[in-house]
Amino acid sequence: MLLPPGGSGVELVLDADGGRDVRSHQEAADPMAGCWLLIAGSWQLAADISLLFNAVDLPSSNLTIDTTDGVRLEARWDLPNTPHAAVVFCHPHPQYGGTMHAPLMTRVTKELVGHGFAVLRFNFRGVGESTGTWGGGDAEITDVAAAMSTARSEGMQVHLSGWSFGAATSLRWQARTGDASRWVGIAPPVGLFELPTALEPAKRTIIIGDRDQFVTVAEVEAYGRSIGARVEVLSGSDHFFTFRHERVAEIMAETFNG
């Protein structure tokens, strides 16, 4: 069961997983490694800015989630007094600094709680206190499945969302399972990561900044049309939506409530 509100703050710390060591062994295996490393450095800068201006303290309930392949995921609920629905919210790339405590994850969670949603965040396998190791992007789909199962056990309607890698992985889970939950993808890495096109009809929204460093608006709009998703373009925003988290959450709430 969901515990009543009564927790303390969150840690806004990102770890680029070794910096130079990551670069040396990842670039050979991943032609996009240089791009992902740039993302990791940008996440750290965003974290520094968030620490200065956007400290967050939310009522919370910490828990662990067991996957079907024996991994135990670190997770947390953030709760309004009376939630009317839940959102499973998936974080950015585990190999390049992404965690459930990333600034956008934390700020958007706070805003969603203000809209009456219970938000379940979790660390993918090998991140933070989660057991296991990086699964190449495929095993992480199993992590999404476990989080969705946990959220649904609370008896509420459950929606799904993710940022960057989290957007891609959550959507891949929907493709694999035929799930038709409402979904919001924040800056999905179109062209950098394999994204599905065969999906069950559902209400879906993609949010992209017109200054995103890693994907163009035209690419995202084309992909959105291919899956029947609404695309919301935030003028002046990049991949991290600094100081635009409230608007991101408003768009998410419109999709989930509409």
C-alpha atoms as a PDB file:
ATOM      1  CA  MET A   1       0.000   0.000   0.000  1.00  0.00           C
ATOM      2  CA  LEU A   2       1.008   3.596  -0.483  1.00  0.00           C
ATOM      3  CA  LEU A   3       2.293   5.108   2.712  1.00  0.00           C
ATOM      4  CA  PRO A   4       0.908   8.481   3.822  1.00  0.00           C
ATOM      5  CA  PRO A   5       3.006  11.573   3.138  1.00  0.00           C
ATOM      6  CA  GLY A   6       5.891  11.976   5.521  1.00  0.00           C
ATOM      7  CA  GLY A   7       9.407  11.883   4.119  1.00  0.00           C
ATOM      8  CA  SER A   8      12.300  14.189   3.556  1.00  0.00           C
ATOM      9  CA  GLY A   9      14.087  15.704   0.605  1.00  0.00           C
ATOM     10  CA  VAL A  10      15.920  14.280  -2.360  1.00  0.00           C
ATOM     11  CA  GLU A  11      19.555  14.220  -3.314  1.00  0.00           C
ATOM     12  CA  LEU A  12      20.337  16.069  -6.536  1.00  0.00           C
ATOM     13  CA  VAL A  13      23.609  14.393  -7.418  1.00  0.00           C
ATOM     14  CA  LEU A  14      24.582  13.022 -10.828  1.00  0.00           C
ATOM     15  CA  ASP A  15      27.458  10.640 -11.479  1.00  0.00           C
ATOM     16  CA  ALA A  16      28.823  10.435 -15.032  1.00  0.00           C
ATOM     17  CA  ASP A  17      30.030   6.884 -14.253  1.00  0.00           C
ATOM     18  CA  GLY A  18      33.719   7.400 -14.394  1.00  0.00           C
ATOM     19  CA  GLY A  19      34.205  10.045 -17.041  1.00  0.00           C
ATOM     20  CA  ARG A  20      37.420   9.125 -18.868  1.00  0.00           C
ATOM     21  CA  ASP A  21      37.028   5.415 -18.115  1.00  0.00           C
ATOM     22  CA  VAL A  22      33.533   5.421 -19.614  1.00  0.00           C
ATOM     23  CA  ARG A  23      34.808   7.139 -22.740  1.00  0.00           C
ATOM     24  CA  SER A  24      37.619   4.679 -23.260  1.00  0.00           C
ATOM     25  CA  HIS A  25      35.508   1.532 -23.230  1.00  0.00           C
ATOM     26  CA  GLN A  26      32.174   2.844 -24.473  1.00  0.00           C
ATOM     27  CA  GLU A  27      33.129   4.630 -27.675  1.00  0.00           C
ATOM     28  CA  ALA A  28      34.316   1.473 -29.368  1.00  0.00           C
ATOM     29  CA  ALA A  29      31.036  -0.300 -28.641  1.00  0.00           C
ATOM     30  CA  ASP A  30      28.683   2.644 -29.093  1.00  0.00           C
ATOM     31  CA  PRO A  31      29.149   5.066 -31.991  1.00  0.00           C
ATOM     32  CA  MET A  32      26.918   7.549 -30.166  1.00  0.00           C
ATOM     33  CA  ALA A  33      29.047   7.456 -27.004  1.00  0.00           C
ATOM     34  CA  GLY A  34      30.504  10.901 -27.602  1.00  0.00           C
ATOM     35  CA  CYS A  35      26.990  12.336 -27.818  1.00  0.00           C
ATOM     36  CA  TRP A  36      25.878  10.510 -24.671  1.00  0.00           C
ATOM     37  CA  LEU A  37      28.924  11.783 -22.792  1.00  0.00           C
ATOM     38  CA  LEU A  38      28.039  15.314 -23.806  1.00  0.00           C
ATOM     39  CA  ILE A  39      24.577  14.656 -22.401  1.00  0.00           C
ATOM     40  CA  ALA A  40      26.109  13.471 -19.126  1.00  0.00           C
ATOM     41  CA  GLY A  41      28.140  16.650 -18.774  1.00  0.00           C
ATOM     42  CA  SER A  42      25.072  18.745 -19.523  1.00  0.00           C
ATOM     43  CA  TRP A  43      23.065  16.864 -16.872  1.00  0.00           C
ATOM     44  CA  GLN A  44      25.739  17.751 -14.322  1.00  0.00           C
ATOM     45  CA  LEU A  45      25.495  21.431 -15.258  1.00  0.00           C
ATOM     46  CA  ALA A  46      21.709  21.251 -14.984  1.00  0.00           C
ATOM     47  CA  ALA A  47      22.077  19.629 -11.566  1.00  0.00           C
ATOM     48  CA  ASP A  48      24.336  22.441 -10.385  1.00  0.00           C
ATOM     49  CA  ILE A  49      21.794  25.039 -11.521  1.00  0.00           C
ATOM     50  CA  SER A  50      18.965  23.123  -9.856  1.00  0.00           C
ATOM     51  CA  LEU A  51      20.830  22.966  -6.570  1.00  0.00           C
ATOM     52  CA  LEU A  52      21.147  26.735  -6.594  1.00  0.00           C
ATOM     53  CA  PHE A  53      17.568  27.589  -7.521  1.00  0.00           C
ATOM     54  CA  ASN A  54      15.279  24.587  -7.275  1.00  0.00           C
ATOM     55  CA  ALA A  55      15.758  22.595  -4.062  1.00  0.00           C
ATOM     56  CA  VAL A  56      12.779  20.285  -3.593  1.00  0.00           C
ATOM     57  CA  ASP A  57      11.265  18.630  -0.530  1.00  0.00           C
ATOM     58  CA  LEU A  58       8.367  16.258  -1.148  1.00  0.00           C
ATOM     59  CA  PRO A  59       6.290  13.900   0.986  1.00  0.00           C
ATOM     60  CA  SER A  60       7.646  10.512  -0.030  1.00  0.00           C
ATOM     61  CA  SER A  61       7.607   6.782   0.552  1.00  0.00           C
ATOM     62  CA  ASN A  62      10.748   4.840  -0.325  1.00  0.00           C
ATOM     63  CA  LEU A  63      10.497   1.236  -1.477  1.00  0.00           C
ATOM     64  CA  THR A  64      12.168  -1.466  -3.533  1.00  0.00           C
ATOM     65  CA  ILE A  65      10.720  -3.154  -6.601  1.00  0.00           C
ATOM     66  CA  ASP A  66      11.593  -6.699  -7.626  1.00  0.00           C
ATOM     67  CA  THR A  67      11.809  -7.495 -11.335  1.00  0.00           C
ATOM     68  CA  THR A  68      10.950 -10.821 -12.917  1.00  0.00           C
ATOM     69  CA  ASP A  69      14.648 -11.532 -13.577  1.00  0.00           C
ATOM     70  CA  GLY A  70      15.756 -11.094  -9.974  1.00  0.00           C
ATOM     71  CA  VAL A  71      16.865  -7.454  -9.902  1.00  0.00           C
ATOM     72  CA  ARG A  72      15.840  -5.212  -7.005  1.00  0.00           C
ATOM     73  CA  LEU A  73      15.176  -1.589  -7.968  1.00  0.00           C
ATOM     74  CA  GLU A  74      15.492   1.430  -5.704  1.00  0.00           C
ATOM     75  CA  ALA A  75      12.278   3.429  -5.993  1.00  0.00           C
ATOM     76  CA  ARG A  76      10.156   6.101  -4.348  1.00  0.00           C
ATOM     77  CA  TRP A  77       6.600   7.328  -4.375  1.00  0.00           C
ATOM     78  CA  ASP A  78       5.937  11.068  -4.179  1.00  0.00           C
ATOM     79  CA  LEU A  79       2.411  11.645  -2.965  1.00  0.00           C
ATOM     80  CA  PRO A  80      -0.340  14.241  -2.785  1.00  0.00           C
ATOM     81  CA  ASN A  81      -2.771  13.961   0.088  1.00  0.00           C
ATOM     82  CA  THR A  82      -5.424  12.345  -2.120  1.00  0.00           C
ATOM     83  CA  PRO A  83      -4.034  11.014  -5.414  1.00  0.00           C
ATOM     84  CA  HIS A  84      -6.510  10.568  -8.267  1.00  0.00           C
ATOM     85  CA  ALA A  85      -4.102   8.654 -10.541  1.00  0.00           C
ATOM     86  CA  ALA A  86      -0.476   7.532 -10.687  1.00  0.00           C
ATOM     87  CA  VAL A  87       2.409   8.200 -13.056  1.00  0.00           C
ATOM     88  CA  VAL A  88       5.420   5.935 -13.532  1.00  0.00           C
ATOM     89  CA  PHE A  89       8.271   8.291 -14.468  1.00  0.00           C
ATOM     90  CA  CYS A  90      11.437   6.834 -16.072  1.00  0.00           C
ATOM     91  CA  HIS A  91      14.830   8.554 -15.885  1.00  0.00           C
ATOM     92  CA  PRO A  92      17.520   9.288 -18.532  1.00  0.00           C
ATOM     93  CA  HIS A  93      20.378   7.082 -19.718  1.00  0.00           C
ATOM     94  CA  PRO A  94      21.874   5.007 -16.866  1.00  0.00           C
ATOM     95  CA  GLN A  95      25.341   4.895 -18.435  1.00  0.00           C
ATOM     96  CA  TYR A  96      25.693   8.657 -18.718  1.00  0.00           C
ATOM     97  CA  GLY A  97      24.565  10.129 -15.428  1.00  0.00           C
ATOM     98  CA  GLY A  98      20.821   9.591 -15.528  1.00  0.00           C
ATOM     99  CA  THR A  99      19.090   8.842 -12.222  1.00  0.00           C
ATOM    100  CA  MET A 100      15.648   9.299 -10.710  1.00  0.00           C
ATOM    101  CA  HIS A 101      17.109  12.300  -8.856  1.00  0.00           C
ATOM    102  CA  ALA A 102      18.023  14.239 -12.021  1.00  0.00           C
ATOM    103  CA  PRO A 103      16.822  17.853 -11.766  1.00  0.00           C
ATOM    104  CA  LEU A 104      14.039  17.606 -14.322  1.00  0.00           C
ATOM    105  CA  MET A 105      12.821  14.347 -12.777  1.00  0.00           C
ATOM    106  CA  THR A 106      12.597  15.938  -9.347  1.00  0.00           C
ATOM    107  CA  ARG A 107      11.038  19.235 -10.391  1.00  0.00           C
ATOM    108  CA  VAL A 108       8.460  17.717 -12.718  1.00  0.00           C
ATOM    109  CA  THR A 109       7.555  15.188 -10.026  1.00  0.00           C
ATOM    110  CA  LYS A 110       6.885  18.031  -7.597  1.00  0.00           C
ATOM    111  CA  GLU A 111       4.613  19.742 -10.104  1.00  0.00           C
ATOM    112  CA  LEU A 112       2.733  16.531 -10.917  1.00  0.00           C
ATOM    113  CA  VAL A 113       2.122  15.933  -7.221  1.00  0.00           C
ATOM    114  CA  GLY A 114       0.632  19.429  -7.150  1.00  0.00           C
ATOM    115  CA  HIS A 115      -1.740  18.312  -9.917  1.00  0.00           C
ATOM    116  CA  GLY A 116      -2.900  15.407  -7.741  1.00  0.00           C
ATOM    117  CA  PHE A 117      -0.799  12.574  -9.193  1.00  0.00           C
ATOM    118  CA  ALA A 118       1.110  10.007  -7.180  1.00  0.00           C
ATOM    119  CA  VAL A 119       4.458   9.661  -8.939  1.00  0.00           C
ATOM    120  CA  LEU A 120       6.561   6.495  -8.887  1.00  0.00           C
ATOM    121  CA  ARG A 121      10.214   6.994  -9.826  1.00  0.00           C
ATOM    122  CA  PHE A 122      12.827   4.264  -9.799  1.00  0.00           C
ATOM    123  CA  ASN A 123      16.474   3.793 -10.638  1.00  0.00           C
ATOM    124  CA  PHE A 124      17.133   1.461 -13.518  1.00  0.00           C
ATOM    125  CA  ARG A 125      19.267  -1.602 -12.760  1.00  0.00           C
ATOM    126  CA  GLY A 126      22.828  -0.751 -11.779  1.00  0.00           C
ATOM    127  CA  VAL A 127      21.978   2.856 -10.830  1.00  0.00           C
ATOM    128  CA  GLY A 128      22.078   4.145  -7.250  1.00  0.00           C
ATOM    129  CA  GLU A 129      20.961   1.404  -4.847  1.00  0.00           C
ATOM    130  CA  SER A 130      19.395  -0.732  -7.579  1.00  0.00           C
ATOM    131  CA  THR A 131      21.066  -4.108  -8.016  1.00  0.00           C
ATOM    132  CA  GLY A 132      22.105  -5.614 -11.320  1.00  0.00           C
ATOM    133  CA  THR A 133      24.099  -4.078 -14.143  1.00  0.00           C
ATOM    134  CA  TRP A 134      23.432  -2.179 -17.346  1.00  0.00           C
ATOM    135  CA  GLY A 135      21.404  -4.414 -19.668  1.00  0.00           C
ATOM    136  CA  GLY A 136      22.050  -2.732 -22.996  1.00  0.00           C
ATOM    137  CA  GLY A 137      18.640  -1.036 -23.027  1.00  0.00           C
ATOM    138  CA  ASP A 138      16.649  -4.255 -23.430  1.00  0.00           C
ATOM    139  CA  ALA A 139      16.820  -5.522 -19.841  1.00  0.00           C
ATOM    140  CA  GLU A 140      15.736  -2.052 -18.718  1.00  0.00           C
ATOM    141  CA  ILE A 141      12.364  -2.706 -20.378  1.00  0.00           C
ATOM    142  CA  THR A 142      11.881  -5.329 -17.674  1.00  0.00           C
ATOM    143  CA  ASP A 143      12.476  -2.600 -15.083  1.00  0.00           C
ATOM    144  CA  VAL A 144       9.659  -0.526 -16.574  1.00  0.00           C
ATOM    145  CA  ALA A 145       7.396  -3.585 -16.460  1.00  0.00           C
ATOM    146  CA  ALA A 146       8.123  -4.077 -12.752  1.00  0.00           C
ATOM    147  CA  ALA A 147       7.443  -0.424 -11.959  1.00  0.00           C
ATOM    148  CA  MET A 148       4.147  -0.470 -13.846  1.00  0.00           C
ATOM    149  CA  SER A 149       3.084  -3.645 -12.043  1.00  0.00           C
ATOM    150  CA  THR A 150       3.913  -2.073  -8.685  1.00  0.00           C
ATOM    151  CA  ALA A 151       1.981   1.096  -9.487  1.00  0.00           C
ATOM    152  CA  ARG A 152      -1.050  -0.824 -10.733  1.00  0.00           C
ATOM    153  CA  SER A 153      -1.159  -2.864  -7.537  1.00  0.00           C
ATOM    154  CA  GLU A 154      -2.307   0.318  -5.771  1.00  0.00           C
ATOM    155  CA  GLY A 155      -5.640   0.200  -7.584  1.00  0.00           C
ATOM    156  CA  MET A 156      -5.345   3.555  -9.349  1.00  0.00           C
ATOM    157  CA  GLN A 157      -5.270   4.395 -13.025  1.00  0.00           C
ATOM    158  CA  VAL A 158      -1.600   4.438 -14.033  1.00  0.00           C
ATOM    159  CA  HIS A 159      -0.016   6.604 -16.722  1.00  0.00           C
ATOM    160  CA  LEU A 160       3.519   6.357 -18.088  1.00  0.00           C
ATOM    161  CA  SER A 161       6.228   8.875 -18.862  1.00  0.00           C
ATOM    162  CA  GLY A 162       9.968   9.196 -19.293  1.00  0.00           C
ATOM    163  CA  TRP A 163      12.678  11.659 -20.151  1.00  0.00           C
ATOM    164  CA  SER A 164      15.197  10.989 -22.947  1.00  0.00           C
ATOM    165  CA  PHE A 165      16.299   7.322 -22.594  1.00  0.00           C
ATOM    166  CA  GLY A 166      13.408   6.882 -20.157  1.00  0.00           C
ATOM    167  CA  ALA A 167      10.958   8.062 -22.830  1.00  0.00           C
ATOM    168  CA  ALA A 168      12.380   5.572 -25.332  1.00  0.00           C
ATOM    169  CA  THR A 169      12.434   2.649 -22.900  1.00  0.00           C
ATOM    170  CA  SER A 170       8.931   3.224 -21.577  1.00  0.00           C
ATOM    171  CA  LEU A 171       7.591   3.407 -25.134  1.00  0.00           C
ATOM    172  CA  ARG A 172       9.471   0.219 -26.076  1.00  0.00           C
ATOM    173  CA  TRP A 173       7.747  -1.465 -23.129  1.00  0.00           C
ATOM    174  CA  GLN A 174       4.378  -0.366 -24.509  1.00  0.00           C
ATOM    175  CA  ALA A 175       5.296  -1.780 -27.924  1.00  0.00           C
ATOM    176  CA  ARG A 176       6.442  -5.078 -26.423  1.00  0.00           C
ATOM    177  CA  THR A 177       3.354  -5.583 -24.267  1.00  0.00           C
ATOM    178  CA  GLY A 178       0.622  -3.910 -26.305  1.00  0.00           C
ATOM    179  CA  ASP A 179      -0.016  -1.526 -23.426  1.00  0.00           C
ATOM    180  CA  ALA A 180      -2.289   1.427 -24.165  1.00  0.00           C
ATOM    181  CA  SER A 181      -1.702   3.583 -21.092  1.00  0.00           C
ATOM    182  CA  ARG A 182      -1.489   7.305 -21.674  1.00  0.00           C
ATOM    183  CA  TRP A 183       2.148   8.224 -22.290  1.00  0.00           C
ATOM    184  CA  VAL A 184       4.236  11.389 -22.344  1.00  0.00           C
ATOM    185  CA  GLY A 185       7.754  11.372 -23.743  1.00  0.00           C
ATOM    186  CA  ILE A 186      10.036  14.259 -22.764  1.00  0.00           C
ATOM    187  CA  ALA A 187      12.731  14.827 -25.387  1.00  0.00           C
ATOM    188  CA  PRO A 188      12.819  11.242 -26.710  1.00  0.00           C
ATOM    189  CA  PRO A 189      16.142  10.536 -28.471  1.00  0.00           C
ATOM    190  CA  VAL A 190      14.764  10.188 -31.988  1.00  0.00           C
ATOM    191  CA  GLY A 191      17.609   9.085 -34.250  1.00  0.00           C
ATOM    192  CA  LEU A 192      19.909   8.260 -31.332  1.00  0.00           C
ATOM    193  CA  PHE A 193      17.958   5.273 -30.017  1.00  0.00           C
ATOM    194  CA  GLU A 194      15.667   2.745 -31.639  1.00  0.00           C
ATOM    195  CA  LEU A 195      12.064   3.812 -31.113  1.00  0.00           C
ATOM    196  CA  PRO A 196       8.994   1.718 -31.954  1.00  0.00           C
ATOM    197  CA  THR A 197       6.340   2.570 -34.495  1.00  0.00           C
ATOM    198  CA  ALA A 198       4.002  -0.403 -33.966  1.00  0.00           C
ATOM    199  CA  LEU A 199       1.969   0.639 -30.930  1.00  0.00           C
ATOM    200  CA  GLU A 200      -1.554   0.144 -29.665  1.00  0.00           C
ATOM    201  CA  PRO A 201      -3.660   3.301 -30.113  1.00  0.00           C
ATOM    202  CA  ALA A 202      -3.439   5.491 -27.023  1.00  0.00           C
ATOM    203  CA  LYS A 203      -3.276   9.122 -26.032  1.00  0.00           C
ATOM    204  CA  ARG A 204       0.386  10.100 -26.338  1.00  0.00           C
ATOM    205  CA  THR A 205       2.263  13.404 -26.215  1.00  0.00           C
ATOM    206  CA  ILE A 206       5.874  14.267 -26.994  1.00  0.00           C
ATOM    207  CA  ILE A 207       7.453  17.376 -25.485  1.00  0.00           C
ATOM    208  CA  ILE A 208      10.498  18.839 -27.216  1.00  0.00           C
ATOM    209  CA  GLY A 209      12.428  22.096 -26.944  1.00  0.00           C
ATOM    210  CA  ASP A 210      13.252  23.931 -30.154  1.00  0.00           C
ATOM    211  CA  ARG A 211      16.850  24.255 -28.900  1.00  0.00           C
ATOM    212  CA  ASP A 212      17.340  20.573 -28.065  1.00  0.00           C
ATOM    213  CA  GLN A 213      21.016  19.742 -28.479  1.00  0.00           C
ATOM    214  CA  PHE A 214      20.504  16.187 -29.710  1.00  0.00           C
ATOM    215  CA  VAL A 215      17.419  16.019 -31.926  1.00  0.00           C
ATOM    216  CA  THR A 216      15.591  18.426 -34.224  1.00  0.00           C
ATOM    217  CA  VAL A 217      11.977  19.452 -33.946  1.00  0.00           C
ATOM    218  CA  ALA A 218      11.404  18.197 -37.497  1.00  0.00           C
ATOM    219  CA  GLU A 219      12.657  14.713 -36.548  1.00  0.00           C
ATOM    220  CA  VAL A 220      10.441  14.603 -33.473  1.00  0.00           C
ATOM    221  CA  GLU A 221       7.393  15.869 -35.344  1.00  0.00           C
ATOM    222  CA  ALA A 222       7.889  13.233 -38.042  1.00  0.00           C
ATOM    223  CA  TYR A 223       8.175  10.503 -35.438  1.00  0.00           C
ATOM    224  CA  GLY A 224       5.152  11.841 -33.579  1.00  0.00           C
ATOM    225  CA  ARG A 225       3.061  11.629 -36.732  1.00  0.00           C
ATOM    226  CA  SER A 226       4.200   8.026 -37.242  1.00  0.00           C
ATOM    227  CA  ILE A 227       2.755   6.963 -33.873  1.00  0.00           C
ATOM    228  CA  GLY A 228      -0.196   9.337 -33.735  1.00  0.00           C
ATOM    229  CA  ALA A 229       1.260  11.425 -30.904  1.00  0.00           C
ATOM    230  CA  ARG A 230       0.663  15.082 -30.239  1.00  0.00           C
ATOM    231  CA  VAL A 231       3.927  17.068 -30.290  1.00  0.00           C
ATOM    232  CA  GLU A 232       4.348  20.103 -28.038  1.00  0.00           C
ATOM    233  CA  VAL A 233       7.290  22.374 -28.883  1.00  0.00           C
ATOM    234  CA  LEU A 234       8.574  24.647 -26.113  1.00  0.00           C
ATOM    235  CA  SER A 235      10.206  27.695 -27.613  1.00  0.00           C
ATOM    236  CA  GLY A 236      13.612  28.560 -26.164  1.00  0.00           C
ATOM    237  CA  SER A 237      14.006  25.249 -24.302  1.00  0.00           C
ATOM    238  CA  ASP A 238      16.782  22.722 -24.788  1.00  0.00           C
ATOM    239  CA  HIS A 239      17.042  19.050 -23.769  1.00  0.00           C
ATOM    240  CA  PHE A 240      16.878  19.946 -20.056  1.00  0.00           C
ATOM    241  CA  PHE A 241      13.953  22.428 -19.946  1.00  0.00           C
ATOM    242  CA  THR A 242      15.642  24.500 -17.237  1.00  0.00           C
ATOM    243  CA  PHE A 243      13.095  26.836 -15.605  1.00  0.00           C
ATOM    244  CA  ARG A 244      10.347  25.260 -17.774  1.00  0.00           C
ATOM    245  CA  HIS A 245       9.549  22.285 -15.557  1.00  0.00           C
ATOM    246  CA  GLU A 246       6.197  23.723 -14.517  1.00  0.00           C
ATOM    247  CA  ARG A 247       5.094  23.964 -18.152  1.00  0.00           C
ATOM    248  CA  VAL A 248       6.337  20.440 -18.874  1.00  0.00           C
ATOM    249  CA  ALA A 249       4.244  19.139 -15.983  1.00  0.00           C
ATOM    250  CA  GLU A 250       1.192  21.108 -17.160  1.00  0.00           C
ATOM    251  CA  ILE A 251       1.386  19.425 -20.572  1.00  0.00           C
ATOM    252  CA  MET A 252       1.757  16.045 -18.911  1.00  0.00           C
ATOM    253  CA  ALA A 253      -1.279  16.677 -16.693  1.00  0.00           C
ATOM    254  CA  GLU A 254      -3.334  17.776 -19.731  1.00  0.00           C
ATOM    255  CA  THR A 255      -2.525  14.493 -21.456  1.00  0.00           C
ATOM    256  CA  PHE A 256      -3.259  12.364 -18.407  1.00  0.00           C
ATOM    257  CA  ASN A 257      -6.458  14.201 -17.464  1.00  0.00           C
ATOM    258  CA  GLY A 258      -7.871  14.902 -20.923  1.00  0.00           C
END
